[in-house]
Each structure stands twice: as structure tokens, then as C-alpha cells.
Amino acid sequence: MENHTKDSTMNVSSLNCIDLSDDDLHNSVVSLKQACLDCGFFYVINHGINDEFMDDVFEQSKKFFALPLEEKMKVLRNEKHRGYTPVLDELLDPENQVNGDHKEGYYIGIEVPKDDPHWDKPFYGPNPWPDADVLPGWRETMEKYHREALRISKAIARLLALALDLDVDYFDRTEMLGKPIATMRFLRYQGVSDPSNGIYACGAHSDFGMMTLLATDSVTGLQICKDKKATPQKWEYVPPIKGAFIVNLGDMLERWSNGFFKSTLHRVLGNGQERYSIPFFVEPNHDCLVECLPTCKSESNLPKYPPIKCSTYLTQRYKETHAELSIYHQQT
């Protein structure tokens, strides 16, 4: 952080903070709506997860990444995007990156057993888990965190519905967040980024789905660019706040809202310190048809995007950014 802030073009962003325990619902909705119009990034506090549990989740994440590579490769990312992703696996900004992201990760989705009628859908299915003898209690901690993060995400979705002049439970429907695609990813960033030479901890991108709930440690690195069309682009740091989540909207919600709400470019710069974060990606049901919301169109503001099925859209986006799995299988 210290080296980067010496650059006069680098600023620290000021984001709205949404208190989920606030009794003044109107105030929360107004503040959220302003954040979504401005940049699609905001903080969420008083969400019901205590600091002790979050500390345990991060500790468990560190234990996994501390394993030998050989052990981590036993749970390599599969075709359903579950499991371990090695360093350089993901390339989010091919125009500016010389290689992939300098991070490693682990995807965990909603656990759906093989006897479930929906298990064969692209983003459902059983998760690969590290050996319980190697990481005792790991799975139980991660599954509990997944449930808690989904609970919070649904609470935020109700505020988003009101901010879009929809019924408060609009996104609670079965075809939307009643049976969602919800994927969390544990990440470890390493190394020193050098944007002038195309080296990034995480390349510039906007998220694919509806929204992302981000937990992060105390190491600064996340940056946002509120105006992606500006030349040169202006990047601002989003400082971590203990006990708060950073929430950002994804491309799917921008598409759903007809461009009304913003999905903003963001990236991560490494400064030599290890940095851990946990993004939780929330999308509607596989079969949800993402088309312009009824409150976001009019005769003078026609839909800007054609309807598309959620799973079709996500499959396309994942394919664009991840390395072919065959590369790793050839190496092992």
C-alpha cells in the first residue's frame, strides 16, 4: 500500500456503508441505491457473523494453501468449477496481462449429491473436499460459512429489490435465489504486481453474476475504476474494514437492470505480502431467464440486452477466463 499511494493518481475510495441492523429501511435503501448508481461497490456491517468465526474461516483457508502442491492438486478444479485453482490458472485481463493472475484459489459451491435430480447441471454437484485426516474440521467450517454468506446475500438482495422499485421478495423466487448458484472462493495472493509489465495479482475485470460478497484480511490490494471509459483509467484503493464485507454488483445485475445499476472494473495489486480473501459469488437459478426487469424499461428506455439463461451466460464467462483443464492433467 505504501509504495502505491506515493503515486498521485492512486486514491483511496470512499464507499457507502449499509448497516443490515438499521431499523430505518428507507435510509438503507436510499444509501444502497446511491452506491449502485455510483459504482456498484459498498460496505455491509452488522450482518450477524462474528469476528471470531471469520478469523477461524481465514485460518482454515491458510491451512489449505499451506499444504504441499501435490496435496492441493488432488482436488484440482473440475469441469463444474469446484476445487483448487493453481497460480496463473485464471486470466481476467488478457489485453494487459502477460500471464494469468498471481493467485491460487479453491471453489466451493452448494453441495448437491449425485442422487439429486439437478446434480448434473453445470454449477451444481458434489464438492471435492481435502482429506479430513489432512485438514480435520475444514469442510464443516467452510460449509457453515457458505450458509451464512448466502443468508447475508439474500438480505442484501431484498434491499436491492426495493432499490429497483420491485417487491421486497422479488429475488426470493425459486427461479432466482430460491435455489441459486452460490459459489465461494478462497484466494491467496502472492508476489509484487507490476502493471507497467503486465503483472497483476488479479487482472482488471468485472464480476460475472448478480453480486459478490467479499471478505478480506487486513492487507490492502483491491482497487476499483469507477469510469472504465476514462483515459487514463483512474484506480482507487478500497481499504479493508474489520468486520465489514465489501459488496459489489456483477455484470448479470447490470444486464438485468438495463444498465441502471453498475458493475465496476476492479483488480488486485500485490505488494509482496501474502493476502487472503474470500469472494462469495451469487447468481440466480440455472434456468433463470435474465431479461430486463419490469421497472427498468419504458417506451423511451427499451431493453439494451437480449434475454439469456443464467447457466448459459456463466458457462460462457468461465470459459473465457480459465485455463483448459487438460493442461494440468497433462502435467500430472
Protein backbone atom coordinates (compact mmCIF):
# COMPACT_ATOMS: atom_id res chain seq x y z
CA MET A 1 0.00 0.00 0.00
CA GLU A 2 2.75 2.44 0.97
CA ASN A 3 4.54 2.26 -2.39
CA HIS A 4 1.36 2.51 -4.40
CA THR A 5 -0.04 5.54 -2.56
CA LYS A 6 3.04 7.57 -3.43
CA ASP A 7 1.60 7.66 -6.96
CA SER A 8 -0.58 10.78 -7.09
CA THR A 9 -3.01 9.04 -9.48
CA MET A 10 -3.83 6.44 -6.82
CA ASN A 11 -6.55 7.42 -4.36
CA VAL A 12 -8.49 5.72 -1.60
CA SER A 13 -12.16 5.28 -2.43
CA SER A 14 -14.97 6.35 -0.14
CA LEU A 15 -17.88 3.90 -0.25
CA ASN A 16 -21.34 3.91 1.32
CA CYS A 17 -21.77 1.64 4.33
CA ILE A 18 -25.01 -0.35 4.69
CA ASP A 19 -25.98 -1.42 8.21
CA LEU A 20 -28.13 -4.56 7.98
CA SER A 21 -29.37 -4.00 11.55
CA ASP A 22 -30.62 -0.47 10.82
CA ASP A 23 -34.34 -0.09 11.62
CA ASP A 24 -34.58 2.78 9.13
CA LEU A 25 -35.26 0.71 6.00
CA HIS A 26 -35.78 3.78 3.82
CA ASN A 27 -32.36 5.14 4.75
CA SER A 28 -30.70 1.80 3.93
CA VAL A 29 -32.41 1.55 0.55
CA VAL A 30 -31.54 5.13 -0.41
CA SER A 31 -27.89 4.65 0.57
CA LEU A 32 -27.71 1.32 -1.28
CA LYS A 33 -29.32 2.73 -4.40
CA GLN A 34 -26.88 5.62 -4.50
CA ALA A 35 -23.95 3.21 -4.20
CA CYS A 36 -25.32 1.05 -7.02
CA LEU A 37 -25.76 4.08 -9.29
CA ASP A 38 -22.33 5.45 -8.42
CA CYS A 39 -20.04 2.44 -8.69
CA GLY A 40 -21.78 -0.74 -7.57
CA PHE A 41 -19.46 -1.14 -4.55
CA PHE A 42 -20.40 -0.70 -0.88
CA TYR A 43 -19.63 -2.00 2.61
CA VAL A 44 -22.04 -4.09 4.70
CA ILE A 45 -21.84 -4.17 8.51
CA ASN A 46 -23.82 -5.76 11.37
CA HIS A 47 -24.51 -8.81 9.22
CA GLY A 48 -24.62 -11.39 12.00
CA ILE A 49 -21.26 -13.16 11.56
CA ASN A 50 -18.92 -12.56 14.48
CA ASP A 51 -15.22 -11.77 14.18
CA GLU A 52 -14.16 -14.98 15.93
CA PHE A 53 -15.84 -17.18 13.33
CA MET A 54 -14.41 -15.13 10.46
CA ASP A 55 -10.94 -15.43 11.98
CA ASP A 56 -11.42 -19.21 12.06
CA VAL A 57 -12.53 -19.27 8.41
CA PHE A 58 -9.41 -17.38 7.33
CA GLU A 59 -7.23 -19.63 9.47
CA GLN A 60 -8.71 -22.69 7.77
CA SER A 61 -8.10 -21.07 4.38
CA LYS A 62 -4.44 -20.53 5.25
CA LYS A 63 -4.10 -24.16 6.33
CA PHE A 64 -5.26 -25.36 2.93
CA PHE A 65 -2.89 -23.12 0.97
CA ALA A 66 -0.01 -24.15 3.23
CA LEU A 67 -0.36 -27.75 2.04
CA PRO A 68 2.20 -29.14 -0.45
CA LEU A 69 1.20 -28.53 -4.07
CA GLU A 70 0.92 -32.28 -4.59
CA GLU A 71 -1.80 -32.44 -1.92
CA LYS A 72 -3.69 -29.46 -3.35
CA MET A 73 -3.60 -30.92 -6.86
CA LYS A 74 -5.57 -33.93 -5.57
CA VAL A 75 -8.60 -31.64 -5.51
CA LEU A 76 -7.88 -29.80 -8.77
CA ARG A 77 -10.72 -27.74 -10.25
CA ASN A 78 -13.14 -29.91 -12.18
CA GLU A 79 -15.45 -29.17 -15.11
CA LYS A 80 -18.08 -27.82 -12.67
CA HIS A 81 -15.59 -25.25 -11.35
CA ARG A 82 -15.20 -26.85 -7.93
CA GLY A 83 -11.84 -27.37 -6.26
CA TYR A 84 -8.32 -25.99 -6.43
CA THR A 85 -7.11 -23.43 -8.97
CA PRO A 86 -3.31 -23.06 -9.24
CA VAL A 87 -1.34 -19.84 -9.68
CA LEU A 88 -1.77 -18.38 -13.22
CA ASP A 89 -4.89 -20.54 -13.84
CA GLU A 90 -7.12 -17.52 -14.38
CA LEU A 91 -6.55 -14.78 -16.97
CA LEU A 92 -9.02 -11.94 -16.44
CA ASP A 93 -7.43 -9.12 -18.45
CA PRO A 94 -5.72 -10.65 -21.50
CA GLU A 95 -5.16 -7.27 -23.15
CA ASN A 96 -2.93 -6.10 -20.29
CA GLN A 97 -1.66 -9.27 -18.57
CA VAL A 98 1.38 -11.19 -19.80
CA ASN A 99 0.35 -14.28 -17.80
CA GLY A 100 -2.52 -15.28 -15.55
CA ASP A 101 -3.30 -13.94 -12.08
CA HIS A 102 -0.68 -14.36 -9.37
CA LYS A 103 -3.13 -16.05 -7.03
CA GLU A 104 -4.31 -19.54 -6.17
CA GLY A 105 -7.81 -20.43 -5.11
CA TYR A 106 -10.39 -23.03 -4.18
CA TYR A 107 -14.02 -23.07 -5.41
CA ILE A 108 -16.85 -24.38 -3.22
CA GLY A 109 -20.47 -24.43 -4.43
CA ILE A 110 -23.76 -25.59 -2.99
CA GLU A 111 -23.38 -29.27 -2.10
CA VAL A 112 -25.71 -31.33 -4.30
CA PRO A 113 -25.35 -35.13 -4.02
CA LYS A 114 -25.32 -37.34 -7.12
CA ASP A 115 -28.78 -38.71 -6.38
CA ASP A 116 -30.28 -35.21 -6.63
CA PRO A 117 -32.20 -34.67 -9.91
CA HIS A 118 -30.29 -31.42 -10.50
CA TRP A 119 -26.77 -32.64 -9.72
CA ASP A 120 -25.73 -32.79 -13.40
CA LYS A 121 -26.36 -29.09 -14.03
CA PRO A 122 -23.16 -27.12 -14.78
CA PHE A 123 -22.88 -25.29 -11.44
CA TYR A 124 -24.41 -27.86 -9.08
CA GLY A 125 -22.93 -31.10 -7.83
CA PRO A 126 -20.80 -32.52 -5.03
CA ASN A 127 -17.72 -30.56 -3.98
CA PRO A 128 -14.27 -32.16 -3.93
CA TRP A 129 -13.01 -31.87 -0.35
CA PRO A 130 -9.50 -32.15 1.09
CA ASP A 131 -8.86 -35.33 3.06
CA ALA A 132 -10.40 -34.94 6.52
CA ASP A 133 -7.32 -36.57 8.04
CA VAL A 134 -5.16 -33.83 6.49
CA LEU A 135 -7.47 -30.92 7.39
CA PRO A 136 -9.83 -32.02 10.19
CA GLY A 137 -12.91 -29.83 10.56
CA TRP A 138 -12.13 -27.93 7.34
CA ARG A 139 -15.23 -28.99 5.43
CA GLU A 140 -17.57 -28.27 8.33
CA THR A 141 -16.21 -24.74 8.77
CA MET A 142 -16.44 -23.96 5.07
CA GLU A 143 -19.98 -25.30 4.71
CA LYS A 144 -21.12 -23.24 7.69
CA TYR A 145 -19.55 -20.11 6.22
CA HIS A 146 -21.22 -20.83 2.86
CA ARG A 147 -24.64 -20.97 4.57
CA GLU A 148 -24.01 -17.73 6.46
CA ALA A 149 -22.76 -15.87 3.38
CA LEU A 150 -25.84 -16.96 1.42
CA ARG A 151 -28.10 -15.73 4.22
CA ILE A 152 -26.46 -12.31 4.14
CA SER A 153 -26.57 -12.17 0.34
CA LYS A 154 -30.31 -12.82 0.35
CA ALA A 155 -30.80 -9.99 2.88
CA ILE A 156 -28.88 -7.64 0.57
CA ALA A 157 -30.94 -8.86 -2.41
CA ARG A 158 -34.11 -7.73 -0.63
CA LEU A 159 -32.67 -4.22 -0.30
CA LEU A 160 -31.63 -4.34 -3.97
CA ALA A 161 -35.20 -5.26 -4.93
CA LEU A 162 -36.57 -2.23 -3.11
CA ALA A 163 -33.89 0.00 -4.66
CA LEU A 164 -35.11 -1.20 -8.07
CA ASP A 165 -38.76 -0.44 -7.17
CA LEU A 166 -39.60 -4.15 -7.07
CA ASP A 167 -41.39 -6.12 -4.35
CA VAL A 168 -39.07 -6.81 -1.43
CA ASP A 169 -39.20 -10.58 -2.08
CA TYR A 170 -38.80 -10.33 -5.87
CA PHE A 171 -35.43 -12.13 -5.92
CA ASP A 172 -36.55 -14.74 -3.36
CA ARG A 173 -38.45 -16.71 -6.02
CA THR A 174 -37.44 -20.32 -6.70
CA GLU A 175 -36.24 -19.50 -10.20
CA MET A 176 -33.98 -16.80 -8.80
CA LEU A 177 -32.42 -17.00 -5.30
CA GLY A 178 -34.82 -19.65 -4.01
CA LYS A 179 -32.44 -22.22 -5.47
CA PRO A 180 -29.43 -20.15 -6.51
CA ILE A 181 -25.99 -20.78 -7.87
CA ALA A 182 -23.79 -19.65 -4.99
CA THR A 183 -20.06 -20.20 -5.24
CA MET A 184 -17.42 -19.08 -2.79
CA ARG A 185 -13.74 -18.97 -3.50
CA PHE A 186 -10.84 -18.90 -1.08
CA LEU A 187 -7.90 -16.96 -2.52
CA ARG A 188 -4.25 -16.42 -1.67
CA TYR A 189 -2.41 -13.63 -3.49
CA GLN A 190 1.36 -13.55 -3.71
CA GLY A 191 4.20 -11.51 -5.17
CA VAL A 192 4.62 -7.91 -6.24
CA SER A 193 2.46 -6.57 -9.06
CA ASP A 194 4.00 -4.52 -11.86
CA PRO A 195 1.23 -3.06 -14.05
CA SER A 196 3.76 -1.47 -16.43
CA ASN A 197 4.94 -5.00 -17.27
CA GLY A 198 1.55 -6.70 -17.23
CA ILE A 199 1.95 -8.46 -13.87
CA TYR A 200 -1.09 -8.43 -11.59
CA ALA A 201 -2.23 -10.31 -8.51
CA CYS A 202 -5.65 -10.20 -10.17
CA GLY A 203 -6.27 -8.60 -13.55
CA ALA A 204 -8.90 -5.91 -14.14
CA HIS A 205 -12.38 -7.35 -14.61
CA SER A 206 -16.00 -7.01 -13.59
CA ASP A 207 -17.67 -9.97 -11.88
CA PHE A 208 -19.90 -12.26 -13.90
CA GLY A 209 -23.00 -12.71 -11.79
CA MET A 210 -25.57 -10.89 -9.70
CA MET A 211 -23.42 -9.77 -6.78
CA THR A 212 -20.31 -10.66 -4.81
CA LEU A 213 -19.89 -10.66 -1.04
CA LEU A 214 -16.18 -10.20 -0.28
CA ALA A 215 -14.40 -10.93 2.98
CA THR A 216 -10.77 -9.91 3.12
CA ASP A 217 -7.88 -9.78 5.55
CA SER A 218 -6.18 -6.54 6.62
CA VAL A 219 -3.78 -6.37 3.65
CA THR A 220 -4.79 -3.68 1.15
CA GLY A 221 -4.73 -4.53 -2.53
CA LEU A 222 -8.22 -4.21 -4.03
CA GLN A 223 -8.73 -1.31 -6.43
CA ILE A 224 -11.76 -0.10 -8.38
CA CYS A 225 -12.11 2.03 -11.51
CA LYS A 226 -15.44 3.83 -11.40
CA ASP A 227 -15.24 5.02 -15.02
CA LYS A 228 -13.88 2.28 -17.29
CA LYS A 229 -14.12 4.55 -20.34
CA ALA A 230 -11.82 7.23 -18.88
CA THR A 231 -8.38 7.70 -20.38
CA PRO A 232 -6.21 7.16 -18.47
CA GLN A 233 -8.16 4.99 -16.09
CA LYS A 234 -8.26 6.22 -12.51
CA TRP A 235 -7.83 3.50 -9.89
CA GLU A 236 -8.83 3.86 -6.24
CA TYR A 237 -7.99 1.56 -3.34
CA VAL A 238 -10.85 0.03 -1.35
CA PRO A 239 -9.47 -0.29 2.20
CA PRO A 240 -10.47 -3.35 4.23
CA ILE A 241 -12.60 -2.69 7.32
CA LYS A 242 -12.53 -5.23 10.16
CA GLY A 243 -15.91 -6.90 10.50
CA ALA A 244 -17.31 -5.49 7.25
CA PHE A 245 -17.96 -7.15 3.92
CA ILE A 246 -17.24 -5.40 0.66
CA VAL A 247 -20.12 -6.00 -1.75
CA ASN A 248 -20.09 -5.37 -5.48
CA LEU A 249 -22.60 -5.86 -8.25
CA GLY A 250 -21.87 -8.14 -11.19
CA ASP A 251 -22.46 -7.92 -14.93
CA MET A 252 -25.60 -10.01 -14.69
CA LEU A 253 -27.33 -7.45 -12.45
CA GLU A 254 -26.19 -4.61 -14.69
CA ARG A 255 -27.73 -6.52 -17.59
CA TRP A 256 -30.88 -7.33 -15.58
CA SER A 257 -31.32 -3.67 -14.62
CA ASN A 258 -30.82 -2.47 -18.21
CA GLY A 259 -27.59 -0.69 -17.26
CA PHE A 260 -29.29 1.20 -14.44
CA PHE A 261 -27.05 -0.32 -11.75
CA LYS A 262 -23.30 -0.52 -12.30
CA SER A 263 -20.88 -3.43 -12.45
CA THR A 264 -17.48 -1.86 -11.94
CA LEU A 265 -13.98 -2.81 -13.04
CA HIS A 266 -11.73 -3.92 -10.20
CA ARG A 267 -8.31 -5.54 -9.79
CA VAL A 268 -5.82 -6.53 -7.11
CA LEU A 269 -2.23 -5.31 -6.86
CA GLY A 270 0.23 -7.31 -4.78
CA ASN A 271 2.82 -5.54 -2.64
CA GLY A 272 4.89 -8.57 -1.60
CA GLN A 273 2.71 -9.51 1.37
CA GLU A 274 0.51 -12.59 1.29
CA ARG A 275 -3.11 -11.51 1.01
CA TYR A 276 -6.15 -13.68 1.66
CA SER A 277 -9.71 -13.00 0.57
CA ILE A 278 -12.99 -14.88 0.17
CA PRO A 279 -15.36 -13.72 -2.58
CA PHE A 280 -18.84 -15.26 -2.48
CA PHE A 281 -20.49 -15.12 -5.90
CA VAL A 282 -24.30 -15.12 -6.00
CA GLU A 283 -26.31 -15.91 -9.12
CA PRO A 284 -29.92 -16.95 -9.73
CA ASN A 285 -31.05 -20.46 -10.61
CA HIS A 286 -29.54 -22.21 -13.66
CA ASP A 287 -32.78 -21.89 -15.62
CA CYS A 288 -33.50 -18.26 -14.72
CA LEU A 289 -34.01 -16.18 -17.84
CA VAL A 290 -32.11 -12.96 -17.26
CA GLU A 291 -34.08 -10.30 -19.08
CA CYS A 292 -34.77 -6.64 -18.43
CA LEU A 293 -36.54 -6.11 -15.10
CA PRO A 294 -40.05 -4.65 -15.44
CA THR A 295 -39.14 -1.46 -13.57
CA CYS A 296 -36.06 -0.78 -15.71
CA LYS A 297 -37.64 -0.32 -19.12
CA SER A 298 -40.09 2.02 -20.78
CA GLU A 299 -41.10 3.20 -24.25
CA SER A 300 -38.21 5.66 -24.13
CA ASN A 301 -35.80 3.20 -22.50
CA LEU A 302 -36.04 -0.12 -24.32
CA PRO A 303 -34.10 -3.22 -23.19
CA LYS A 304 -30.41 -2.96 -24.16
CA TYR A 305 -29.59 -6.67 -23.83
CA PRO A 306 -31.27 -9.80 -25.22
CA PRO A 307 -32.59 -12.34 -22.69
CA ILE A 308 -30.16 -15.13 -21.78
CA LYS A 309 -30.37 -18.15 -19.48
CA CYS A 310 -28.22 -17.78 -16.37
CA SER A 311 -26.22 -21.01 -16.79
CA THR A 312 -25.53 -20.24 -20.47
CA TYR A 313 -24.15 -16.83 -19.58
CA LEU A 314 -21.98 -18.10 -16.71
CA THR A 315 -20.58 -21.04 -18.68
CA GLN A 316 -19.50 -18.67 -21.43
CA ARG A 317 -17.80 -16.28 -19.00
CA TYR A 318 -15.92 -19.01 -17.10
CA LYS A 319 -14.66 -20.49 -20.36
CA GLU A 320 -13.23 -17.11 -21.37
CA THR A 321 -11.13 -16.69 -18.23
CA HIS A 322 -9.88 -20.10 -17.04
CA ALA A 323 -7.11 -22.29 -18.41
CA GLU A 324 -8.09 -25.55 -20.09
CA LEU A 325 -8.17 -28.36 -17.53
CA SER A 326 -6.31 -30.61 -19.98
CA ILE A 327 -3.17 -28.53 -19.35
CA TYR A 328 -2.99 -29.70 -15.74
CA HIS A 329 -3.88 -33.29 -16.48
CA GLN A 330 -1.01 -33.44 -18.98
CA GLN A 331 1.36 -32.22 -16.26
CA THR A 332 0.27 -34.76 -13.63
